[in-house]
Amino acid sequence: MNAVLRRALVSTVGLALTLSMTAACGKAGGAKNEASASSGNPNAIGLLLPENASSVRYESFDRPFIEAKVRTLCAQCKVLYNNAEGSAAKQKQQFDTLLAQGVKVIILDPYNAKSTQDWVQEAAAKGVKVVAYDRLAAGPVAAYTSFDNEKVGELQGQALLAALGAQAAEANIVMIDGDEADPNAADFKSGAHKILDGKVKKVVYEQSGQWDPAVAGQKISAAVTEFGKNGFQAVYSANDGMAAAIITQLKGAGIKVPVGGQDASLDAIQRIVNGDQAYTIYKAYRPQAEAAAELAVALLQGKDVKTIATASVDSDTAKNIPTKLLDAKIVTKDTIASTVLADGIYKASDICTADYAAACAAAGLK
């Protein structure tokens, strides 16, 4: 065999060996990657919250309480968190990212609960459990925790009647409801009507504020234009963020009537102390957040959630969803101390800043 032929043969054999080894390594690497993808994040829990503009509760309370409880229940677990910032499309992207990361459980407070059916079905097909938090997401959710939202609406109606006192029977009411895409908003509205209808003269104007303070401000301005300064005697606002904008617009128009909200945000408590807002609804965030964490960890560990979720509810797309519902409370100037202060949500110093010091002293808050 001449030298040229010998060199060619050696080169060919070497190339064949190289290709064979490369293919083998590629196959092994592929098997490793596939195993990694299938195992995903076995100790990760996704947490998706809806917004941070209309209500400060999600960043201030829900998220830290959920994360803390998960750490207590499962030292090796981690929470992968995102906020949709008021965008259903953004929340869908965040949900898809969690699925791609291989999480096994997602706590979902949907920005638009009606849009989630396909998401939750896709998750279920991949063996991922979804805990619906605060709002009942569409689709085959594994568990749900919230407050009894129709009762929350009833509390709002009761508080508005109490604020009107003897004037209630002759009072015209303006109602600025939550977003029509949110099933909770429908429950709040239904509960409020259950109490107000027949107890006030008339609901003269009712519109959705879309959980957006700017929209709520526009709607109350339209009501003032239509009915004048004396055309209504109270305003129902579905939450505190919208109530703030409503009160600002009413003050600008020289109108002083009872306005109520929901969520017990710090600025709402300060408005109540100052006499600008009549009431809010306090939903104890810690028990709700901790219930969500307990449900998520139980699902992650393959346990039966019915020891935690002792009730059940139906949605339009699923039946007998294991559920834990909690009770809410009315907060007025007289009950601040026994609710948000007693539960440690705020300290008196948080509420009684320089602008509110005199009002706090008059209310006996220290």
Protein backbone atom coordinates (compact mmCIF):
# COMPACT_ATOMS: atom_id res chain seq x y z
CA MET A 1 0.00 0.00 0.00
CA ASN A 2 1.56 3.31 -1.00
CA ALA A 3 1.90 6.20 1.42
CA VAL A 4 -0.79 8.30 -0.18
CA LEU A 5 -3.38 5.52 0.00
CA ARG A 6 -2.38 4.70 3.59
CA ARG A 7 -2.84 8.34 4.67
CA ALA A 8 -6.27 8.50 2.99
CA LEU A 9 -7.43 5.31 4.72
CA VAL A 10 -6.31 6.52 8.15
CA SER A 11 -8.09 9.84 7.58
CA THR A 12 -11.30 8.08 6.54
CA VAL A 13 -11.28 5.77 9.56
CA GLY A 14 -10.56 8.70 11.85
CA LEU A 15 -13.45 10.68 10.40
CA ALA A 16 -15.78 7.73 10.84
CA LEU A 17 -14.75 7.32 14.47
CA THR A 18 -15.18 11.04 15.09
CA LEU A 19 -18.67 11.05 13.57
CA SER A 20 -19.61 7.94 15.55
CA MET A 21 -18.45 9.48 18.83
CA THR A 22 -20.17 12.77 18.04
CA ALA A 23 -23.42 10.98 17.31
CA ALA A 24 -23.13 8.97 20.52
CA CYS A 25 -22.45 12.09 22.56
CA GLY A 26 -25.32 13.89 20.89
CA LYS A 27 -27.65 11.00 21.68
CA ALA A 28 -26.51 10.83 25.29
CA GLY A 29 -26.79 14.59 25.65
CA GLY A 30 -30.26 14.49 24.13
CA ALA A 31 -31.33 11.78 26.59
CA LYS A 32 -30.00 13.86 29.46
CA ASN A 33 -31.81 16.99 28.26
CA GLU A 34 -35.05 15.06 27.76
CA ALA A 35 -34.84 13.68 31.29
CA SER A 36 -34.14 17.16 32.62
CA ALA A 37 -37.14 18.60 30.78
CA SER A 38 -39.43 15.84 32.02
CA SER A 39 -38.32 16.30 35.62
CA GLY A 40 -38.85 20.08 35.33
CA ASN A 41 -38.86 22.00 38.60
CA PRO A 42 -40.23 19.43 41.05
CA ASN A 43 -40.04 21.82 44.00
CA ALA A 44 -41.24 24.98 42.22
CA ILE A 45 -44.65 26.60 42.64
CA GLY A 46 -45.72 29.28 40.19
CA LEU A 47 -47.49 32.37 41.51
CA LEU A 48 -49.27 34.72 39.11
CA LEU A 49 -51.06 37.80 40.45
CA PRO A 50 -53.21 40.10 38.31
CA GLU A 51 -52.28 43.76 38.78
CA ASN A 52 -50.68 46.37 40.99
CA ALA A 53 -52.39 49.63 40.00
CA SER A 54 -55.97 49.50 41.28
CA SER A 55 -55.07 47.64 44.49
CA VAL A 56 -51.82 47.55 46.43
CA ARG A 57 -52.78 44.36 48.26
CA TYR A 58 -51.09 41.92 45.87
CA GLU A 59 -47.54 43.19 46.29
CA SER A 60 -47.93 44.33 49.90
CA PHE A 61 -49.74 41.31 51.33
CA ASP A 62 -50.68 38.40 49.08
CA ARG A 63 -47.26 37.72 47.58
CA PRO A 64 -45.15 37.95 50.77
CA PHE A 65 -47.67 35.94 52.81
CA ILE A 66 -47.83 33.16 50.19
CA GLU A 67 -44.05 33.01 49.83
CA ALA A 68 -43.52 32.91 53.59
CA LYS A 69 -46.06 30.12 54.12
CA VAL A 70 -44.63 28.02 51.29
CA ARG A 71 -41.16 28.28 52.89
CA THR A 72 -42.63 27.18 56.24
CA LEU A 73 -44.39 24.17 54.74
CA CYS A 74 -41.67 23.10 52.31
CA ALA A 75 -38.10 24.21 52.98
CA GLN A 76 -36.86 23.03 49.58
CA CYS A 77 -39.69 24.64 47.63
CA LYS A 78 -39.34 27.91 45.74
CA VAL A 79 -41.96 30.29 44.39
CA LEU A 80 -41.63 31.61 40.84
CA TYR A 81 -43.54 34.89 40.86
CA ASN A 82 -44.89 37.30 38.24
CA ASN A 83 -47.48 40.09 38.16
CA ALA A 84 -49.59 40.62 35.03
CA GLU A 85 -49.75 44.39 35.63
CA GLY A 86 -53.31 44.54 34.35
CA SER A 87 -52.77 42.59 31.11
CA ALA A 88 -54.45 39.27 30.33
CA ALA A 89 -52.06 38.78 27.40
CA LYS A 90 -49.04 39.32 29.64
CA GLN A 91 -50.41 36.87 32.21
CA LYS A 92 -50.89 34.24 29.48
CA GLN A 93 -47.22 34.62 28.54
CA GLN A 94 -46.23 34.27 32.19
CA PHE A 95 -48.37 31.14 32.51
CA ASP A 96 -46.79 29.62 29.38
CA THR A 97 -43.34 30.38 30.74
CA LEU A 98 -44.11 28.52 33.96
CA LEU A 99 -45.27 25.48 31.96
CA ALA A 100 -42.06 25.60 29.91
CA GLN A 101 -40.04 25.77 33.13
CA GLY A 102 -41.65 22.54 34.27
CA VAL A 103 -43.46 23.71 37.40
CA LYS A 104 -45.97 21.23 38.79
CA VAL A 105 -48.33 23.63 40.59
CA ILE A 106 -49.43 27.18 39.71
CA ILE A 107 -51.32 29.56 42.00
CA LEU A 108 -53.28 31.73 39.59
CA ASP A 109 -55.20 34.90 40.37
CA PRO A 110 -56.45 35.58 36.84
CA TYR A 111 -56.69 39.11 35.51
CA ASN A 112 -59.48 37.89 33.22
CA ALA A 113 -60.95 34.74 34.72
CA LYS A 114 -63.07 33.96 31.66
CA SER A 115 -60.02 33.71 29.40
CA THR A 116 -58.17 30.97 31.26
CA GLN A 117 -60.03 27.82 30.22
CA ASP A 118 -57.57 26.82 27.50
CA TRP A 119 -54.60 27.64 29.73
CA VAL A 120 -55.81 25.50 32.59
CA GLN A 121 -56.75 22.64 30.26
CA GLU A 122 -53.26 22.70 28.74
CA ALA A 123 -51.74 22.64 32.21
CA ALA A 124 -53.94 19.74 33.28
CA ALA A 125 -52.94 17.78 30.16
CA LYS A 126 -49.32 18.19 31.26
CA GLY A 127 -50.06 17.10 34.81
CA VAL A 128 -49.77 20.63 36.21
CA LYS A 129 -52.23 21.55 38.97
CA VAL A 130 -53.74 25.03 39.12
CA VAL A 131 -54.94 26.62 42.37
CA ALA A 132 -57.39 29.43 41.57
CA TYR A 133 -56.70 32.28 43.98
CA ASP A 134 -59.19 35.02 44.84
CA ARG A 135 -60.91 34.71 41.42
CA LEU A 136 -62.28 31.41 40.14
CA ALA A 137 -60.37 30.76 36.92
CA ALA A 138 -62.17 28.97 34.09
CA GLY A 139 -61.10 25.43 33.34
CA PRO A 140 -60.37 22.30 35.38
CA VAL A 141 -58.68 23.94 38.36
CA ALA A 142 -57.51 21.60 41.10
CA ALA A 143 -58.56 23.83 44.03
CA TYR A 144 -59.84 27.32 44.83
CA THR A 145 -59.59 29.70 47.74
CA SER A 146 -61.26 33.08 48.12
CA PHE A 147 -63.76 34.94 50.21
CA ASP A 148 -67.50 34.44 49.90
CA ASN A 149 -67.74 37.21 47.35
CA GLU A 150 -71.50 37.58 47.33
CA LYS A 151 -71.37 38.05 51.10
CA VAL A 152 -68.65 40.67 50.55
CA GLY A 153 -71.11 42.53 48.32
CA GLU A 154 -73.76 42.18 51.01
CA LEU A 155 -71.37 43.72 53.54
CA GLN A 156 -70.76 46.61 51.16
CA GLY A 157 -74.50 47.16 50.84
CA GLN A 158 -75.01 46.98 54.60
CA ALA A 159 -72.21 49.47 55.22
CA LEU A 160 -73.63 51.89 52.66
CA LEU A 161 -77.08 51.71 54.26
CA ALA A 162 -75.52 52.33 57.67
CA ALA A 163 -73.63 55.33 56.32
CA LEU A 164 -76.89 56.78 54.95
CA GLY A 165 -78.78 56.11 58.17
CA ALA A 166 -82.30 57.53 58.22
CA GLN A 167 -81.83 58.98 54.71
CA ALA A 168 -81.51 55.55 53.10
CA ALA A 169 -85.14 55.08 52.06
CA GLU A 170 -85.13 58.35 50.09
CA ALA A 171 -81.60 58.06 48.74
CA ASN A 172 -80.59 57.74 45.10
CA ILE A 173 -77.44 55.70 44.66
CA VAL A 174 -74.65 55.62 42.09
CA MET A 175 -72.88 52.28 41.67
CA ILE A 176 -69.43 51.94 40.10
CA ASP A 177 -68.87 48.18 39.76
CA GLY A 178 -65.76 46.15 39.05
CA ASP A 179 -64.65 44.72 35.74
CA GLU A 180 -67.33 42.69 33.98
CA ALA A 181 -64.67 40.13 32.98
CA ASP A 182 -64.10 39.35 36.66
CA PRO A 183 -66.58 36.87 38.17
CA ASN A 184 -65.89 38.31 41.62
CA ALA A 185 -67.18 41.69 40.43
CA ALA A 186 -70.48 40.07 39.45
CA ASP A 187 -70.73 38.51 42.92
CA PHE A 188 -69.98 41.82 44.67
CA LYS A 189 -72.61 43.54 42.54
CA SER A 190 -75.19 40.81 43.16
CA GLY A 191 -74.61 40.87 46.91
CA ALA A 192 -74.81 44.66 47.09
CA HIS A 193 -78.06 44.71 45.13
CA LYS A 194 -79.51 42.04 47.41
CA ILE A 195 -79.14 44.48 50.31
CA LEU A 196 -79.75 47.82 48.60
CA ASP A 197 -82.71 47.01 46.35
CA GLY A 198 -85.90 47.99 48.12
CA LYS A 199 -83.98 49.74 50.92
CA VAL A 200 -82.92 52.80 48.92
CA LYS A 201 -85.07 54.90 46.64
CA LYS A 202 -83.30 54.01 43.41
CA VAL A 203 -79.97 53.11 41.82
CA VAL A 204 -79.98 55.98 39.32
CA TYR A 205 -76.67 55.24 37.61
CA GLU A 206 -74.63 52.02 37.42
CA GLN A 207 -71.52 51.45 35.33
CA SER A 208 -68.40 49.30 35.35
CA GLY A 209 -65.28 51.08 36.52
CA GLN A 210 -63.19 48.18 35.15
CA TRP A 211 -61.08 48.13 38.33
CA ASP A 212 -59.42 51.24 36.88
CA PRO A 213 -59.36 54.44 38.98
CA ALA A 214 -59.16 56.59 35.86
CA VAL A 215 -62.24 54.94 34.38
CA ALA A 216 -64.10 55.19 37.70
CA GLY A 217 -63.28 58.90 37.83
CA GLN A 218 -64.70 59.36 34.35
CA LYS A 219 -67.86 57.47 35.23
CA ILE A 220 -68.59 59.45 38.37
CA SER A 221 -67.99 62.69 36.46
CA ALA A 222 -70.58 61.53 33.92
CA ALA A 223 -73.02 60.82 36.77
CA VAL A 224 -72.49 64.31 38.19
CA THR A 225 -73.09 65.83 34.77
CA GLU A 226 -76.27 63.81 34.30
CA PHE A 227 -77.81 64.15 37.77
CA GLY A 228 -76.25 67.29 39.22
CA LYS A 229 -74.84 67.94 42.68
CA ASN A 230 -77.97 66.86 44.49
CA GLY A 231 -79.01 64.01 42.22
CA PHE A 232 -77.56 61.20 44.34
CA GLN A 233 -76.86 60.70 48.03
CA ALA A 234 -74.22 57.92 48.11
CA VAL A 235 -71.76 56.06 45.89
CA TYR A 236 -71.01 52.35 45.93
CA SER A 237 -67.48 51.68 44.66
CA ALA A 238 -66.43 48.08 44.20
CA ASN A 239 -62.91 48.70 45.53
CA ASP A 240 -60.74 51.29 47.24
CA GLY A 241 -58.63 52.21 44.22
CA MET A 242 -61.74 53.36 42.34
CA ALA A 243 -63.15 54.96 45.50
CA ALA A 244 -60.06 57.20 45.71
CA ALA A 245 -60.65 58.55 42.21
CA ILE A 246 -64.39 58.93 42.83
CA ILE A 247 -63.83 60.91 46.02
CA THR A 248 -61.33 63.19 44.24
CA GLN A 249 -63.84 63.93 41.48
CA LEU A 250 -66.67 64.53 43.97
CA LYS A 251 -64.53 66.91 46.02
CA GLY A 252 -63.71 68.82 42.86
CA ALA A 253 -67.43 69.14 42.14
CA GLY A 254 -68.20 70.27 45.70
CA ILE A 255 -70.13 67.09 46.55
CA LYS A 256 -69.93 65.34 49.91
CA VAL A 257 -71.75 61.98 50.07
CA PRO A 258 -70.87 58.59 51.61
CA VAL A 259 -68.51 56.55 49.40
CA GLY A 260 -67.43 53.02 50.25
CA GLY A 261 -64.90 50.60 48.82
CA GLN A 262 -63.15 47.31 49.44
CA ASP A 263 -59.64 45.95 50.18
CA ALA A 264 -58.73 47.98 53.30
CA SER A 265 -55.82 49.66 51.52
CA LEU A 266 -53.77 52.02 53.68
CA ASP A 267 -54.90 55.13 51.85
CA ALA A 268 -58.53 54.02 52.23
CA ILE A 269 -58.06 53.62 55.99
CA GLN A 270 -56.60 57.13 56.08
CA ARG A 271 -59.56 58.49 54.10
CA ILE A 272 -61.91 56.79 56.57
CA VAL A 273 -60.08 58.36 59.52
CA ASN A 274 -60.29 61.71 57.77
CA GLY A 275 -64.01 61.37 57.04
CA ASP A 276 -63.61 61.24 53.25
CA GLN A 277 -64.53 57.57 52.82
CA ALA A 278 -67.35 55.92 54.75
CA TYR A 279 -66.11 52.32 54.91
CA THR A 280 -64.03 49.61 53.30
CA ILE A 281 -64.19 45.83 53.40
CA TYR A 282 -61.32 44.03 55.10
CA LYS A 283 -60.51 40.63 53.73
CA ALA A 284 -57.84 39.14 55.96
CA TYR A 285 -55.08 38.53 53.43
CA ARG A 286 -52.92 36.27 55.54
CA PRO A 287 -55.48 33.43 56.01
CA GLN A 288 -56.34 33.51 52.30
CA ALA A 289 -52.70 33.57 51.21
CA GLU A 290 -51.77 30.81 53.63
CA ALA A 291 -54.69 28.67 52.43
CA ALA A 292 -53.40 29.03 48.86
CA ALA A 293 -49.90 28.03 49.96
CA GLU A 294 -51.25 25.03 51.87
CA LEU A 295 -53.26 23.88 48.85
CA ALA A 296 -50.31 24.33 46.49
CA VAL A 297 -47.84 22.43 48.68
CA ALA A 298 -50.36 19.64 49.27
CA LEU A 299 -50.88 19.26 45.52
CA LEU A 300 -47.12 19.35 44.93
CA GLN A 301 -46.68 16.54 47.45
CA GLY A 302 -49.57 14.49 46.07
CA LYS A 303 -51.79 14.90 49.13
CA ASP A 304 -55.58 15.14 49.30
CA VAL A 305 -56.55 18.82 49.43
CA LYS A 306 -59.99 18.10 50.83
CA THR A 307 -58.57 18.24 54.34
CA ILE A 308 -57.85 21.93 53.63
CA ALA A 309 -60.64 22.80 51.18
CA THR A 310 -63.69 21.61 53.07
CA ALA A 311 -66.29 23.07 50.68
CA SER A 312 -66.80 22.87 46.92
CA VAL A 313 -68.01 25.17 44.16
CA ASP A 314 -68.96 24.84 40.52
CA SER A 315 -67.86 27.07 37.67
CA ASP A 316 -69.21 27.20 34.14
CA THR A 317 -66.43 24.84 33.10
CA ALA A 318 -65.81 22.57 36.11
CA LYS A 319 -67.82 20.93 38.89
CA ASN A 320 -67.13 20.16 42.54
CA ILE A 321 -63.92 22.17 42.78
CA PRO A 322 -62.40 21.74 46.28
CA THR A 323 -62.75 25.16 47.87
CA LYS A 324 -61.84 27.09 50.99
CA LEU A 325 -63.89 30.27 51.53
CA LEU A 326 -63.17 32.89 54.17
CA ASP A 327 -65.22 35.65 55.79
CA ALA A 328 -64.71 39.41 55.44
CA LYS A 329 -65.41 42.36 57.77
CA ILE A 330 -66.67 45.92 57.42
CA VAL A 331 -64.17 48.60 58.47
CA THR A 332 -65.40 52.00 59.59
CA LYS A 333 -63.72 54.64 61.72
CA ASP A 334 -65.04 52.85 64.82
CA THR A 335 -63.65 49.42 63.85
CA ILE A 336 -60.17 50.23 62.52
CA ALA A 337 -58.60 49.27 65.86
CA SER A 338 -60.41 45.93 66.07
CA THR A 339 -59.67 44.88 62.48
CA VAL A 340 -56.59 46.00 60.56
CA LEU A 341 -54.70 47.19 63.66
CA ALA A 342 -55.60 44.14 65.73
CA ASP A 343 -54.47 41.81 62.93
CA GLY A 344 -51.19 43.67 62.48
CA ILE A 345 -51.91 44.63 58.88
CA TYR A 346 -50.98 48.21 59.76
CA LYS A 347 -49.57 50.00 62.77
CA ALA A 348 -51.16 53.19 64.03
CA SER A 349 -48.01 55.00 62.93
CA ASP A 350 -48.61 53.81 59.35
CA ILE A 351 -52.05 55.39 59.36
CA CYS A 352 -51.44 58.42 61.54
CA THR A 353 -48.89 60.31 59.49
CA ALA A 354 -48.59 64.08 59.88
CA ASP A 355 -51.50 64.79 57.55
CA TYR A 356 -53.80 62.55 59.58
CA ALA A 357 -52.48 63.10 63.11
CA ALA A 358 -55.36 65.32 64.25
CA ALA A 359 -58.00 63.01 62.75
CA CYS A 360 -56.34 60.00 64.37
CA ALA A 361 -56.31 61.71 67.75
CA ALA A 362 -60.00 62.52 67.41
CA ALA A 363 -60.69 58.85 66.48
CA GLY A 364 -58.67 57.60 69.45
CA LEU A 365 -56.06 55.86 67.31
CA LYS A 366 -52.63 55.57 68.87
